[in-house]
């Protein structure tokens, strides 16, 4: 009896993941507003009744799809908090920067704007999750950068943290991204150049330049 129940649970989980992946593909291509539960059920060749057995409604499904996006913020938070040797700090910065750019590129601007306009509660949840998780490690990150001689010692840490959080918030703001003639990745690269390097010592600037060149050569 237990074996049958386990197999049934595994089958349910496989179907649940299939629904999530299908919904994600449809949402990313057409936007959240244009895709209905009927569309997803039809795409999966299942009845809407069966679909509602796995998800209570469209908001529940959108929230679940976006949880995967939110987990990427957890990965960035873990990277920020990770302790490394002083000589490795600049490489850590490049890796974090690349991870943020990768995350931005996964979420089309029009889809993020659609989420902001038509599912504001879920959008706000995502923004709160992002701020809380990424902000948690920034204090230690700034201190680590100063100890490594990469960040300027005289700059106030609380202001540096605010700047970092504002940068990340702007990176995922569809209104800002749509008002500029750059891709999200280009915007991210310009921010690193204009803002982040203002925090750097001369040593930090040279190390960042070398690390970015090395990273670009690997791509």
N, C-alpha and C. Protein backbone atom coordinates (compact mmCIF):
# COMPACT_ATOMS: atom_id res chain seq x y z
N UNK A 1 0.83 -1.21 0.00
CA UNK A 1 0.00 0.00 0.00
C UNK A 1 0.86 1.26 0.00
N UNK A 2 1.92 1.24 0.85
CA UNK A 2 2.81 2.40 0.93
C UNK A 2 3.53 2.64 -0.39
N UNK A 3 3.93 1.55 -1.07
CA UNK A 3 4.63 1.67 -2.35
C UNK A 3 3.73 2.34 -3.38
N UNK A 4 2.47 1.95 -3.39
CA UNK A 4 1.50 2.54 -4.33
C UNK A 4 1.34 4.03 -4.05
N UNK A 5 1.27 4.39 -2.75
CA UNK A 5 1.11 5.80 -2.38
C UNK A 5 2.34 6.62 -2.77
N UNK A 6 3.53 6.04 -2.59
CA UNK A 6 4.77 6.74 -2.97
C UNK A 6 4.81 6.97 -4.47
N UNK A 7 4.45 5.95 -5.25
CA UNK A 7 4.44 6.08 -6.71
C UNK A 7 3.43 7.13 -7.16
N UNK A 8 2.28 7.16 -6.48
CA UNK A 8 1.26 8.15 -6.82
C UNK A 8 1.77 9.56 -6.52
N UNK A 9 2.47 9.70 -5.39
CA UNK A 9 3.03 11.01 -5.01
C UNK A 9 4.10 11.45 -6.00
N UNK A 10 4.93 10.50 -6.43
CA UNK A 10 5.98 10.81 -7.41
C UNK A 10 5.36 11.23 -8.74
N UNK A 11 4.30 10.53 -9.12
CA UNK A 11 3.61 10.86 -10.37
C UNK A 11 3.00 12.26 -10.30
N UNK A 12 2.42 12.57 -9.13
CA UNK A 12 1.84 13.90 -8.93
C UNK A 12 2.91 14.99 -9.02
N UNK A 13 4.08 14.72 -8.43
CA UNK A 13 5.15 15.71 -8.44
C UNK A 13 5.69 15.92 -9.85
N UNK A 14 5.79 14.85 -10.62
CA UNK A 14 6.23 14.96 -12.02
C UNK A 14 5.25 15.82 -12.81
N UNK A 15 3.96 15.57 -12.59
CA UNK A 15 2.94 16.35 -13.30
C UNK A 15 2.96 17.81 -12.86
N UNK A 16 3.16 18.04 -11.57
CA UNK A 16 3.22 19.41 -11.05
C UNK A 16 4.38 20.18 -11.70
N UNK A 17 5.54 19.53 -11.79
CA UNK A 17 6.70 20.18 -12.40
C UNK A 17 6.47 20.43 -13.89
N UNK A 18 5.77 19.52 -14.53
CA UNK A 18 5.46 19.70 -15.96
C UNK A 18 4.56 20.92 -16.15
N UNK A 19 3.59 21.08 -15.26
CA UNK A 19 2.70 22.24 -15.32
C UNK A 19 3.50 23.53 -15.12
N UNK A 20 4.39 23.52 -14.13
CA UNK A 20 5.20 24.71 -13.83
C UNK A 20 6.06 25.09 -15.03
N UNK A 21 6.73 24.10 -15.63
CA UNK A 21 7.61 24.37 -16.78
C UNK A 21 6.82 24.88 -17.98
N UNK A 22 5.65 24.27 -18.22
CA UNK A 22 4.81 24.71 -19.34
C UNK A 22 4.31 26.13 -19.11
N UNK A 23 3.84 26.39 -17.89
CA UNK A 23 3.35 27.74 -17.56
C UNK A 23 4.47 28.77 -17.70
N UNK A 24 5.66 28.41 -17.24
CA UNK A 24 6.79 29.33 -17.33
C UNK A 24 7.09 29.69 -18.79
N UNK A 25 7.11 28.68 -19.65
CA UNK A 25 7.36 28.92 -21.08
C UNK A 25 6.31 29.85 -21.68
N UNK A 26 5.05 29.59 -21.34
CA UNK A 26 3.96 30.41 -21.88
C UNK A 26 4.01 31.84 -21.33
N UNK A 27 4.25 31.97 -20.04
CA UNK A 27 4.32 33.30 -19.42
C UNK A 27 5.48 34.11 -19.99
N UNK A 28 6.65 33.46 -20.14
CA UNK A 28 7.82 34.18 -20.64
C UNK A 28 7.64 34.62 -22.09
N UNK A 29 6.90 33.83 -22.86
CA UNK A 29 6.70 34.17 -24.27
C UNK A 29 5.59 35.20 -24.48
N UNK A 30 4.48 35.02 -23.76
CA UNK A 30 3.30 35.85 -24.03
C UNK A 30 2.96 36.84 -22.90
N UNK A 31 3.56 36.66 -21.74
CA UNK A 31 3.23 37.52 -20.60
C UNK A 31 2.20 36.86 -19.70
N UNK A 32 2.13 37.32 -18.47
CA UNK A 32 1.23 36.73 -17.48
C UNK A 32 -0.23 37.05 -17.78
N UNK A 33 -0.48 38.25 -18.25
CA UNK A 33 -1.85 38.72 -18.43
C UNK A 33 -2.57 37.97 -19.56
N UNK A 34 -1.84 37.67 -20.63
CA UNK A 34 -2.47 37.10 -21.83
C UNK A 34 -2.73 35.60 -21.71
N UNK A 35 -2.05 34.93 -20.79
CA UNK A 35 -2.20 33.48 -20.67
C UNK A 35 -3.17 33.15 -19.53
N UNK A 36 -4.17 32.35 -19.84
CA UNK A 36 -5.17 31.95 -18.85
C UNK A 36 -4.94 30.50 -18.41
N UNK A 37 -5.64 30.09 -17.38
CA UNK A 37 -5.57 28.70 -16.94
C UNK A 37 -6.11 27.78 -18.03
N UNK A 38 -7.09 28.26 -18.79
CA UNK A 38 -7.61 27.48 -19.92
C UNK A 38 -6.52 27.21 -20.95
N UNK A 39 -5.71 28.25 -21.23
CA UNK A 39 -4.62 28.11 -22.20
C UNK A 39 -3.61 27.06 -21.75
N UNK A 40 -3.27 27.10 -20.47
CA UNK A 40 -2.28 26.17 -19.93
C UNK A 40 -2.83 24.74 -19.94
N UNK A 41 -4.09 24.59 -19.55
CA UNK A 41 -4.72 23.27 -19.56
C UNK A 41 -4.75 22.71 -20.98
N UNK A 42 -5.08 23.57 -21.94
CA UNK A 42 -5.12 23.13 -23.34
C UNK A 42 -3.72 22.73 -23.83
N UNK A 43 -2.72 23.52 -23.45
CA UNK A 43 -1.35 23.23 -23.85
C UNK A 43 -0.89 21.87 -23.32
N UNK A 44 -1.37 21.52 -22.13
CA UNK A 44 -0.98 20.26 -21.49
C UNK A 44 -1.93 19.11 -21.83
N UNK A 45 -2.95 19.42 -22.62
CA UNK A 45 -3.96 18.41 -22.99
C UNK A 45 -4.61 17.79 -21.75
N UNK A 46 -4.95 18.65 -20.80
CA UNK A 46 -5.63 18.19 -19.60
C UNK A 46 -6.86 19.06 -19.35
N UNK A 47 -7.75 18.59 -18.52
CA UNK A 47 -8.93 19.39 -18.19
C UNK A 47 -8.54 20.48 -17.20
N UNK A 48 -9.32 21.55 -17.18
CA UNK A 48 -9.04 22.62 -16.22
C UNK A 48 -9.26 22.11 -14.80
N UNK A 49 -10.18 21.17 -14.64
CA UNK A 49 -10.43 20.59 -13.32
C UNK A 49 -9.18 19.90 -12.79
N UNK A 50 -8.47 19.18 -13.67
CA UNK A 50 -7.23 18.52 -13.26
C UNK A 50 -6.16 19.55 -12.91
N UNK A 51 -6.08 20.61 -13.71
CA UNK A 51 -5.10 21.67 -13.44
C UNK A 51 -5.34 22.29 -12.07
N UNK A 52 -6.61 22.52 -11.74
CA UNK A 52 -6.94 23.13 -10.45
C UNK A 52 -6.71 22.18 -9.27
N UNK A 53 -6.49 20.91 -9.57
CA UNK A 53 -6.13 19.97 -8.50
C UNK A 53 -4.71 20.24 -8.01
N UNK A 54 -3.89 20.81 -8.89
CA UNK A 54 -2.50 21.09 -8.54
C UNK A 54 -2.27 22.53 -8.09
N UNK A 55 -3.07 23.45 -8.63
CA UNK A 55 -2.93 24.87 -8.28
C UNK A 55 -4.31 25.49 -8.08
N UNK A 56 -4.43 26.29 -7.04
CA UNK A 56 -5.74 26.83 -6.68
C UNK A 56 -6.23 27.89 -7.66
N UNK A 57 -5.32 28.47 -8.43
CA UNK A 57 -5.70 29.49 -9.39
C UNK A 57 -4.48 30.03 -10.11
N UNK A 58 -4.69 31.00 -10.96
CA UNK A 58 -3.60 31.55 -11.76
C UNK A 58 -2.54 32.23 -10.89
N UNK A 59 -2.97 32.97 -9.86
CA UNK A 59 -2.00 33.64 -8.99
C UNK A 59 -1.11 32.62 -8.28
N UNK A 60 -1.69 31.52 -7.87
CA UNK A 60 -0.93 30.45 -7.22
C UNK A 60 0.13 29.90 -8.18
N UNK A 61 -0.25 29.74 -9.43
CA UNK A 61 0.68 29.21 -10.44
C UNK A 61 1.78 30.24 -10.76
N UNK A 62 1.39 31.50 -10.91
CA UNK A 62 2.39 32.56 -11.18
C UNK A 62 3.39 32.64 -10.03
N UNK A 63 2.87 32.62 -8.81
CA UNK A 63 3.74 32.71 -7.63
C UNK A 63 4.73 31.54 -7.60
N UNK A 64 4.26 30.35 -7.95
CA UNK A 64 5.14 29.18 -7.96
C UNK A 64 6.21 29.30 -9.04
N UNK A 65 5.81 29.77 -10.21
CA UNK A 65 6.78 29.98 -11.30
C UNK A 65 7.84 30.99 -10.87
N UNK A 66 7.41 32.06 -10.21
CA UNK A 66 8.34 33.11 -9.81
C UNK A 66 9.23 32.69 -8.64
N UNK A 67 8.85 31.64 -7.91
CA UNK A 67 9.70 31.15 -6.82
C UNK A 67 11.06 30.72 -7.35
N UNK A 68 11.08 30.15 -8.55
CA UNK A 68 12.36 29.76 -9.15
C UNK A 68 13.23 30.98 -9.39
N UNK A 69 12.60 32.08 -9.80
CA UNK A 69 13.31 33.34 -10.01
C UNK A 69 13.84 33.87 -8.67
N UNK A 70 13.01 33.76 -7.63
CA UNK A 70 13.40 34.24 -6.31
C UNK A 70 14.57 33.44 -5.74
N UNK A 71 14.61 32.14 -6.05
CA UNK A 71 15.72 31.32 -5.54
C UNK A 71 17.07 31.79 -6.09
N UNK A 72 17.04 32.42 -7.26
CA UNK A 72 18.29 32.97 -7.82
C UNK A 72 18.81 34.10 -6.93
N UNK A 73 17.89 34.87 -6.32
CA UNK A 73 18.31 35.91 -5.39
C UNK A 73 18.97 35.28 -4.17
N UNK A 74 18.47 34.12 -3.76
CA UNK A 74 19.09 33.42 -2.63
C UNK A 74 20.52 33.00 -2.98
N UNK A 75 20.73 32.58 -4.23
CA UNK A 75 22.07 32.20 -4.68
C UNK A 75 23.00 33.41 -4.66
N UNK A 76 22.48 34.56 -5.11
CA UNK A 76 23.29 35.79 -5.10
C UNK A 76 23.63 36.17 -3.67
N UNK A 77 22.64 36.05 -2.77
CA UNK A 77 22.87 36.35 -1.36
C UNK A 77 23.97 35.46 -0.78
N UNK A 78 23.94 34.17 -1.14
CA UNK A 78 24.96 33.23 -0.66
C UNK A 78 26.34 33.61 -1.20
N UNK A 79 26.38 34.06 -2.45
CA UNK A 79 27.66 34.48 -3.05
C UNK A 79 28.20 35.72 -2.34
N UNK A 80 27.31 36.66 -1.99
CA UNK A 80 27.73 37.87 -1.29
C UNK A 80 28.30 37.53 0.08
N UNK A 81 27.69 36.56 0.76
CA UNK A 81 28.09 36.19 2.13
C UNK A 81 29.29 35.26 2.18
N UNK A 82 29.62 34.65 1.05
CA UNK A 82 30.72 33.68 1.03
C UNK A 82 32.06 34.34 1.36
N UNK A 83 32.79 33.74 2.28
CA UNK A 83 34.10 34.26 2.68
C UNK A 83 35.18 33.72 1.74
N UNK A 84 36.03 34.63 1.27
CA UNK A 84 37.15 34.23 0.42
C UNK A 84 38.40 34.96 0.85
N UNK A 85 39.53 34.51 0.32
CA UNK A 85 40.79 35.21 0.59
C UNK A 85 40.72 36.60 -0.02
N UNK A 86 41.45 37.56 0.58
CA UNK A 86 41.43 38.94 0.09
C UNK A 86 41.78 39.02 -1.39
N UNK A 87 42.70 38.17 -1.82
CA UNK A 87 43.14 38.20 -3.22
C UNK A 87 42.04 37.74 -4.18
N UNK A 88 41.00 37.08 -3.63
CA UNK A 88 39.91 36.56 -4.46
C UNK A 88 38.68 37.46 -4.47
N UNK A 89 38.73 38.57 -3.71
CA UNK A 89 37.54 39.41 -3.56
C UNK A 89 37.05 39.96 -4.89
N UNK A 90 37.96 40.43 -5.73
CA UNK A 90 37.54 41.05 -6.99
C UNK A 90 36.91 40.01 -7.92
N UNK A 91 37.42 38.77 -7.89
CA UNK A 91 36.82 37.70 -8.69
C UNK A 91 35.41 37.39 -8.18
N UNK A 92 35.25 37.46 -6.88
CA UNK A 92 33.93 37.27 -6.28
C UNK A 92 32.96 38.34 -6.79
N UNK A 93 33.42 39.58 -6.88
CA UNK A 93 32.58 40.67 -7.38
C UNK A 93 32.16 40.43 -8.82
N UNK A 94 33.10 39.98 -9.64
CA UNK A 94 32.80 39.72 -11.06
C UNK A 94 31.77 38.59 -11.17
N UNK A 95 31.91 37.56 -10.35
CA UNK A 95 30.97 36.44 -10.38
C UNK A 95 29.57 36.88 -9.96
N UNK A 96 29.48 37.73 -8.93
CA UNK A 96 28.19 38.25 -8.48
C UNK A 96 27.56 39.10 -9.58
N UNK A 97 28.38 39.96 -10.19
CA UNK A 97 27.90 40.82 -11.27
C UNK A 97 27.37 39.99 -12.44
N UNK A 98 28.09 38.93 -12.79
CA UNK A 98 27.67 38.06 -13.89
C UNK A 98 26.37 37.33 -13.56
N UNK A 99 26.23 36.92 -12.29
CA UNK A 99 25.02 36.21 -11.86
C UNK A 99 23.81 37.13 -11.95
N UNK A 100 23.98 38.39 -11.54
CA UNK A 100 22.89 39.36 -11.62
C UNK A 100 22.50 39.60 -13.08
N UNK A 101 23.51 39.76 -13.94
CA UNK A 101 23.25 39.99 -15.37
C UNK A 101 22.53 38.79 -15.98
N UNK A 102 22.93 37.59 -15.58
CA UNK A 102 22.29 36.36 -16.07
C UNK A 102 20.82 36.32 -15.64
N UNK A 103 20.58 36.68 -14.39
CA UNK A 103 19.21 36.67 -13.86
C UNK A 103 18.34 37.68 -14.59
N UNK A 104 18.88 38.87 -14.85
CA UNK A 104 18.13 39.90 -15.57
C UNK A 104 17.79 39.43 -16.98
N UNK A 105 18.76 38.78 -17.63
CA UNK A 105 18.54 38.35 -19.02
C UNK A 105 17.49 37.26 -19.14
N UNK A 106 17.25 36.52 -18.05
CA UNK A 106 16.25 35.44 -18.07
C UNK A 106 14.82 35.95 -18.05
N UNK A 107 14.64 37.16 -17.54
CA UNK A 107 13.29 37.72 -17.38
C UNK A 107 13.10 38.87 -18.35
N UNK A 108 12.40 38.64 -19.48
CA UNK A 108 12.17 39.72 -20.45
C UNK A 108 11.52 40.93 -19.79
N UNK A 109 11.91 42.12 -20.24
CA UNK A 109 11.41 43.35 -19.63
C UNK A 109 9.89 43.43 -19.70
N UNK A 110 9.32 43.07 -20.86
CA UNK A 110 7.87 43.18 -21.02
C UNK A 110 7.12 42.24 -20.07
N UNK A 111 7.76 41.11 -19.75
CA UNK A 111 7.13 40.16 -18.83
C UNK A 111 7.16 40.71 -17.41
N UNK A 112 8.29 41.30 -17.02
CA UNK A 112 8.39 41.91 -15.70
C UNK A 112 7.40 43.06 -15.54
N UNK A 113 7.25 43.84 -16.61
CA UNK A 113 6.31 44.96 -16.57
C UNK A 113 4.87 44.45 -16.45
N UNK A 114 4.59 43.37 -17.16
CA UNK A 114 3.27 42.74 -17.10
C UNK A 114 2.97 42.27 -15.68
N UNK A 115 3.96 41.65 -15.04
CA UNK A 115 3.80 41.19 -13.66
C UNK A 115 3.54 42.37 -12.72
N UNK A 116 4.30 43.44 -12.91
CA UNK A 116 4.16 44.63 -12.07
C UNK A 116 2.76 45.24 -12.20
N UNK A 117 2.22 45.26 -13.41
CA UNK A 117 0.93 45.90 -13.66
C UNK A 117 -0.27 45.02 -13.31
N UNK A 118 -0.16 43.73 -13.62
CA UNK A 118 -1.33 42.86 -13.50
C UNK A 118 -1.32 41.92 -12.31
N UNK A 119 -0.15 41.73 -11.70
CA UNK A 119 -0.06 40.93 -10.48
C UNK A 119 0.81 41.67 -9.47
N UNK A 120 0.38 42.87 -9.07
CA UNK A 120 1.24 43.72 -8.22
C UNK A 120 1.61 43.09 -6.88
N UNK A 121 0.71 42.29 -6.31
CA UNK A 121 1.02 41.65 -5.02
C UNK A 121 2.21 40.69 -5.16
N UNK A 122 2.20 39.91 -6.24
CA UNK A 122 3.29 38.96 -6.47
C UNK A 122 4.58 39.71 -6.80
N UNK A 123 4.47 40.77 -7.59
CA UNK A 123 5.63 41.60 -7.92
C UNK A 123 6.24 42.18 -6.65
N UNK A 124 5.39 42.70 -5.75
CA UNK A 124 5.89 43.28 -4.50
C UNK A 124 6.53 42.21 -3.61
N UNK A 125 5.96 41.01 -3.59
CA UNK A 125 6.55 39.92 -2.82
C UNK A 125 7.96 39.62 -3.32
N UNK A 126 8.10 39.61 -4.64
CA UNK A 126 9.40 39.32 -5.24
C UNK A 126 10.41 40.42 -4.91
N UNK A 127 9.97 41.68 -4.96
CA UNK A 127 10.85 42.79 -4.64
C UNK A 127 11.30 42.73 -3.17
N UNK A 128 10.36 42.42 -2.28
CA UNK A 128 10.68 42.32 -0.85
C UNK A 128 11.67 41.18 -0.61
N UNK A 129 11.41 40.04 -1.24
CA UNK A 129 12.29 38.88 -1.09
C UNK A 129 13.70 39.23 -1.56
N UNK A 130 13.78 39.91 -2.68
CA UNK A 130 15.08 40.31 -3.25
C UNK A 130 15.83 41.22 -2.28
N UNK A 131 15.15 42.26 -1.79
CA UNK A 131 15.81 43.23 -0.91
C UNK A 131 16.28 42.58 0.38
N UNK A 132 15.41 41.78 0.99
CA UNK A 132 15.74 41.17 2.28
C UNK A 132 16.92 40.21 2.17
N UNK A 133 16.92 39.40 1.11
CA UNK A 133 17.97 38.39 0.97
C UNK A 133 19.31 38.99 0.57
N UNK A 134 19.28 39.92 -0.37
CA UNK A 134 20.54 40.48 -0.84
C UNK A 134 21.11 41.48 0.16
N UNK A 135 20.23 42.24 0.82
CA UNK A 135 20.70 43.25 1.79
C UNK A 135 21.41 42.61 2.98
N UNK A 136 21.02 41.38 3.30
CA UNK A 136 21.51 40.73 4.51
C UNK A 136 23.04 40.66 4.58
N UNK A 137 23.68 40.41 3.43
CA UNK A 137 25.13 40.21 3.47
C UNK A 137 25.96 41.40 3.03
N UNK A 138 25.30 42.52 2.68
CA UNK A 138 26.05 43.62 2.09
C UNK A 138 26.99 44.32 3.08
N UNK A 139 26.61 44.40 4.35
CA UNK A 139 27.47 45.05 5.33
C UNK A 139 28.83 44.39 5.41
N UNK A 140 28.81 43.05 5.56
CA UNK A 140 30.06 42.29 5.63
C UNK A 140 30.81 42.36 4.30
N UNK A 141 30.06 42.41 3.20
CA UNK A 141 30.66 42.48 1.86
C UNK A 141 31.46 43.77 1.70
N UNK A 142 30.91 44.90 2.15
CA UNK A 142 31.60 46.18 2.05
C UNK A 142 32.87 46.16 2.90
N UNK A 143 32.76 45.64 4.13
CA UNK A 143 33.94 45.54 5.01
C UNK A 143 35.01 44.67 4.37
N UNK A 144 34.57 43.57 3.78
CA UNK A 144 35.50 42.65 3.12
C UNK A 144 36.24 43.36 1.98
N UNK A 145 35.50 44.18 1.22
CA UNK A 145 36.11 44.92 0.11
C UNK A 145 37.12 45.95 0.59
N UNK A 146 36.83 46.58 1.71
CA UNK A 146 37.77 47.56 2.27
C UNK A 146 39.03 46.87 2.78
N UNK A 147 38.85 45.73 3.44
CA UNK A 147 40.00 44.99 3.96
C UNK A 147 40.89 44.49 2.82
N UNK A 148 40.26 44.19 1.68
CA UNK A 148 41.03 43.72 0.53
C UNK A 148 41.69 44.87 -0.22
N UNK A 149 41.41 46.11 0.21
CA UNK A 149 41.99 47.27 -0.46
C UNK A 149 41.33 47.61 -1.77
N UNK A 150 40.13 47.07 -2.00
CA UNK A 150 39.41 47.29 -3.26
C UNK A 150 38.48 48.50 -3.15
N UNK A 151 37.78 48.64 -2.01
CA UNK A 151 36.89 49.77 -1.78
C UNK A 151 37.61 50.87 -1.00
N UNK A 152 37.26 52.10 -1.29
CA UNK A 152 37.89 53.24 -0.62
C UNK A 152 37.51 53.27 0.86
N UNK A 153 38.51 53.39 1.70
CA UNK A 153 38.32 53.30 3.15
C UNK A 153 37.48 54.44 3.69
N UNK A 154 37.57 55.65 3.07
CA UNK A 154 36.91 56.83 3.63
C UNK A 154 35.41 56.88 3.33
N UNK A 155 34.90 56.03 2.44
CA UNK A 155 33.48 56.08 2.09
C UNK A 155 32.63 55.45 3.19
N UNK A 156 31.54 56.11 3.61
CA UNK A 156 30.67 55.57 4.67
C UNK A 156 29.99 54.27 4.21
N UNK A 157 30.04 53.26 5.06
CA UNK A 157 29.51 51.95 4.68
C UNK A 157 28.00 51.96 4.49
N UNK A 158 27.28 52.74 5.32
CA UNK A 158 25.82 52.74 5.19
C UNK A 158 25.38 53.32 3.85
N UNK A 159 26.10 54.34 3.37
CA UNK A 159 25.77 54.93 2.06
C UNK A 159 26.14 53.95 0.94
N UNK A 160 27.26 53.27 1.08
CA UNK A 160 27.67 52.29 0.07
C UNK A 160 26.63 51.17 -0.05
N UNK A 161 26.10 50.73 1.09
CA UNK A 161 25.07 49.68 1.08
C UNK A 161 23.82 50.18 0.37
N UNK A 162 23.40 51.42 0.67
CA UNK A 162 22.22 52.00 0.02
C UNK A 162 22.41 52.06 -1.50
N UNK A 163 23.60 52.46 -1.92
CA UNK A 163 23.88 52.56 -3.36
C UNK A 163 23.79 51.19 -4.01
N UNK A 164 24.37 50.18 -3.36
CA UNK A 164 24.34 48.82 -3.90
C UNK A 164 22.89 48.33 -4.06
N UNK A 165 22.08 48.56 -3.04
CA UNK A 165 20.69 48.10 -3.09
C UNK A 165 19.89 48.86 -4.15
N UNK A 166 20.17 50.15 -4.30
CA UNK A 166 19.48 50.95 -5.32
C UNK A 166 19.84 50.46 -6.72
N UNK A 167 21.11 50.12 -6.91
CA UNK A 167 21.56 49.58 -8.21
C UNK A 167 20.77 48.32 -8.55
N UNK A 168 20.69 47.40 -7.60
CA UNK A 168 20.00 46.13 -7.85
C UNK A 168 18.51 46.35 -8.07
N UNK A 169 17.93 47.28 -7.30
CA UNK A 169 16.50 47.58 -7.48
C UNK A 169 16.24 48.12 -8.89
N UNK A 170 17.10 49.00 -9.37
CA UNK A 170 16.94 49.56 -10.71
C UNK A 170 17.13 48.50 -11.79
N UNK A 171 18.00 47.53 -11.50
CA UNK A 171 18.27 46.48 -12.48
C UNK A 171 17.02 45.66 -12.80
N UNK A 172 16.07 45.62 -11.86
CA UNK A 172 14.87 44.80 -12.05
C UNK A 172 13.60 45.65 -12.13
N UNK A 173 13.77 46.94 -12.39
CA UNK A 173 12.61 47.83 -12.51
C UNK A 173 12.25 47.98 -13.99
N UNK A 174 11.13 47.41 -14.43
CA UNK A 174 10.80 47.44 -15.87
C UNK A 174 10.58 48.84 -16.42
N UNK A 175 10.05 49.76 -15.59
CA UNK A 175 9.81 51.12 -16.07
C UNK A 175 11.14 51.80 -16.43
N UNK A 176 12.14 51.61 -15.58
CA UNK A 176 13.46 52.20 -15.84
C UNK A 176 14.11 51.55 -17.05
N UNK A 177 14.07 50.22 -17.10
CA UNK A 177 14.71 49.50 -18.20
C UNK A 177 14.10 49.85 -19.55
N UNK A 178 12.77 50.02 -19.58
CA UNK A 178 12.11 50.31 -20.85
C UNK A 178 12.31 51.75 -21.30
N UNK A 179 12.75 52.62 -20.38
CA UNK A 179 12.95 54.02 -20.74
C UNK A 179 14.35 54.28 -21.29
N UNK A 180 15.21 53.25 -21.28
CA UNK A 180 16.60 53.43 -21.71
C UNK A 180 16.89 52.62 -22.98
N UNK A 181 17.78 53.13 -23.83
CA UNK A 181 18.09 52.44 -25.10
C UNK A 181 19.17 51.37 -24.95
N UNK A 182 19.10 50.60 -23.84
CA UNK A 182 20.09 49.56 -23.59
C UNK A 182 19.39 48.26 -23.22
N UNK A 183 20.07 47.17 -23.49
CA UNK A 183 19.60 45.89 -22.97
C UNK A 183 19.87 45.87 -21.47
N UNK A 184 19.19 45.00 -20.72
CA UNK A 184 19.47 44.91 -19.27
C UNK A 184 20.94 44.66 -18.97
N UNK A 185 21.59 43.82 -19.77
CA UNK A 185 23.00 43.51 -19.51
C UNK A 185 23.88 44.74 -19.79
N UNK A 186 23.58 45.48 -20.87
CA UNK A 186 24.34 46.70 -21.15
C UNK A 186 24.17 47.72 -20.03
N UNK A 187 22.94 47.84 -19.55
CA UNK A 187 22.64 48.77 -18.45
C UNK A 187 23.45 48.38 -17.21
N UNK A 188 23.47 47.09 -16.94
CA UNK A 188 24.23 46.58 -15.79
C UNK A 188 25.71 46.91 -15.92
N UNK A 189 26.27 46.73 -17.11
CA UNK A 189 27.69 47.00 -17.33
C UNK A 189 28.00 48.49 -17.15
N UNK A 190 27.10 49.36 -17.62
CA UNK A 190 27.31 50.80 -17.46
C UNK A 190 27.25 51.20 -15.99
N UNK A 191 26.34 50.59 -15.24
CA UNK A 191 26.24 50.90 -13.82
C UNK A 191 27.54 50.53 -13.10
N UNK A 192 28.07 49.35 -13.42
CA UNK A 192 29.33 48.92 -12.81
C UNK A 192 30.43 49.95 -13.09
N UNK A 193 30.47 50.44 -14.33
CA UNK A 193 31.51 51.40 -14.71
C UNK A 193 31.31 52.75 -14.02
N UNK A 194 30.07 53.28 -14.07
CA UNK A 194 29.82 54.64 -13.58
C UNK A 194 29.76 54.74 -12.06
N UNK A 195 29.12 53.77 -11.43
CA UNK A 195 28.85 53.88 -10.00
C UNK A 195 29.85 53.08 -9.16
N UNK A 196 29.95 51.78 -9.45
CA UNK A 196 30.78 50.92 -8.62
C UNK A 196 32.23 51.38 -8.59
N UNK A 197 32.76 51.81 -9.74
CA UNK A 197 34.17 52.18 -9.76
C UNK A 197 34.44 53.45 -8.96
N UNK A 198 33.39 54.22 -8.68
CA UNK A 198 33.57 55.37 -7.79
C UNK A 198 33.89 54.95 -6.37
N UNK A 199 33.57 53.70 -6.04
CA UNK A 199 33.87 53.17 -4.71
C UNK A 199 35.29 52.60 -4.65
N UNK A 200 35.87 52.33 -5.81
CA UNK A 200 37.13 51.60 -5.85
C UNK A 200 38.34 52.49 -5.55
N UNK A 201 39.34 51.86 -4.98
CA UNK A 201 40.68 52.44 -4.93
C UNK A 201 41.30 52.23 -6.31
N UNK A 202 42.47 52.81 -6.54
CA UNK A 202 43.15 52.58 -7.82
C UNK A 202 43.47 51.10 -7.99
N UNK A 203 43.85 50.45 -6.90
CA UNK A 203 44.11 49.01 -6.92
C UNK A 203 42.85 48.25 -7.33
N UNK A 204 41.71 48.66 -6.77
CA UNK A 204 40.45 48.00 -7.10
C UNK A 204 40.08 48.16 -8.56
N UNK A 205 40.31 49.36 -9.11
CA UNK A 205 39.99 49.61 -10.52
C UNK A 205 40.82 48.72 -11.44
N UNK A 206 42.11 48.62 -11.14
CA UNK A 206 42.99 47.80 -11.97
C UNK A 206 42.61 46.33 -11.88
N UNK A 207 42.30 45.87 -10.67
CA UNK A 207 41.93 44.46 -10.50
C UNK A 207 40.61 44.15 -11.20
N UNK A 208 39.64 45.07 -11.10
CA UNK A 208 38.35 44.86 -11.75
C UNK A 208 38.52 44.82 -13.27
N UNK A 209 39.33 45.72 -13.80
CA UNK A 209 39.57 45.74 -15.25
C UNK A 209 40.16 44.42 -15.72
N UNK A 210 41.17 43.92 -14.99
CA UNK A 210 41.82 42.66 -15.37
C UNK A 210 40.84 41.49 -15.23
N UNK A 211 40.06 41.49 -14.14
CA UNK A 211 39.12 40.38 -13.90
C UNK A 211 38.02 40.36 -14.94
N UNK A 212 37.51 41.54 -15.33
CA UNK A 212 36.46 41.60 -16.35
C UNK A 212 36.98 41.13 -17.71
N UNK A 213 38.21 41.52 -18.04
CA UNK A 213 38.80 41.08 -19.30
C UNK A 213 38.97 39.56 -19.32
N UNK A 214 39.43 39.02 -18.20
CA UNK A 214 39.60 37.56 -18.10
C UNK A 214 38.26 36.85 -18.21
N UNK A 215 37.24 37.43 -17.57
CA UNK A 215 35.90 36.83 -17.62
C UNK A 215 35.35 36.86 -19.04
N UNK A 216 35.52 37.99 -19.73
CA UNK A 216 35.02 38.13 -21.10
C UNK A 216 35.73 37.16 -22.05
N UNK A 217 37.01 36.90 -21.79
CA UNK A 217 37.75 35.96 -22.63
C UNK A 217 37.26 34.52 -22.47
N UNK A 218 36.69 34.23 -21.29
CA UNK A 218 36.19 32.88 -21.02
C UNK A 218 34.83 32.63 -21.65
N UNK A 219 34.08 33.71 -21.92
CA UNK A 219 32.71 33.57 -22.46
C UNK A 219 32.76 33.19 -23.94
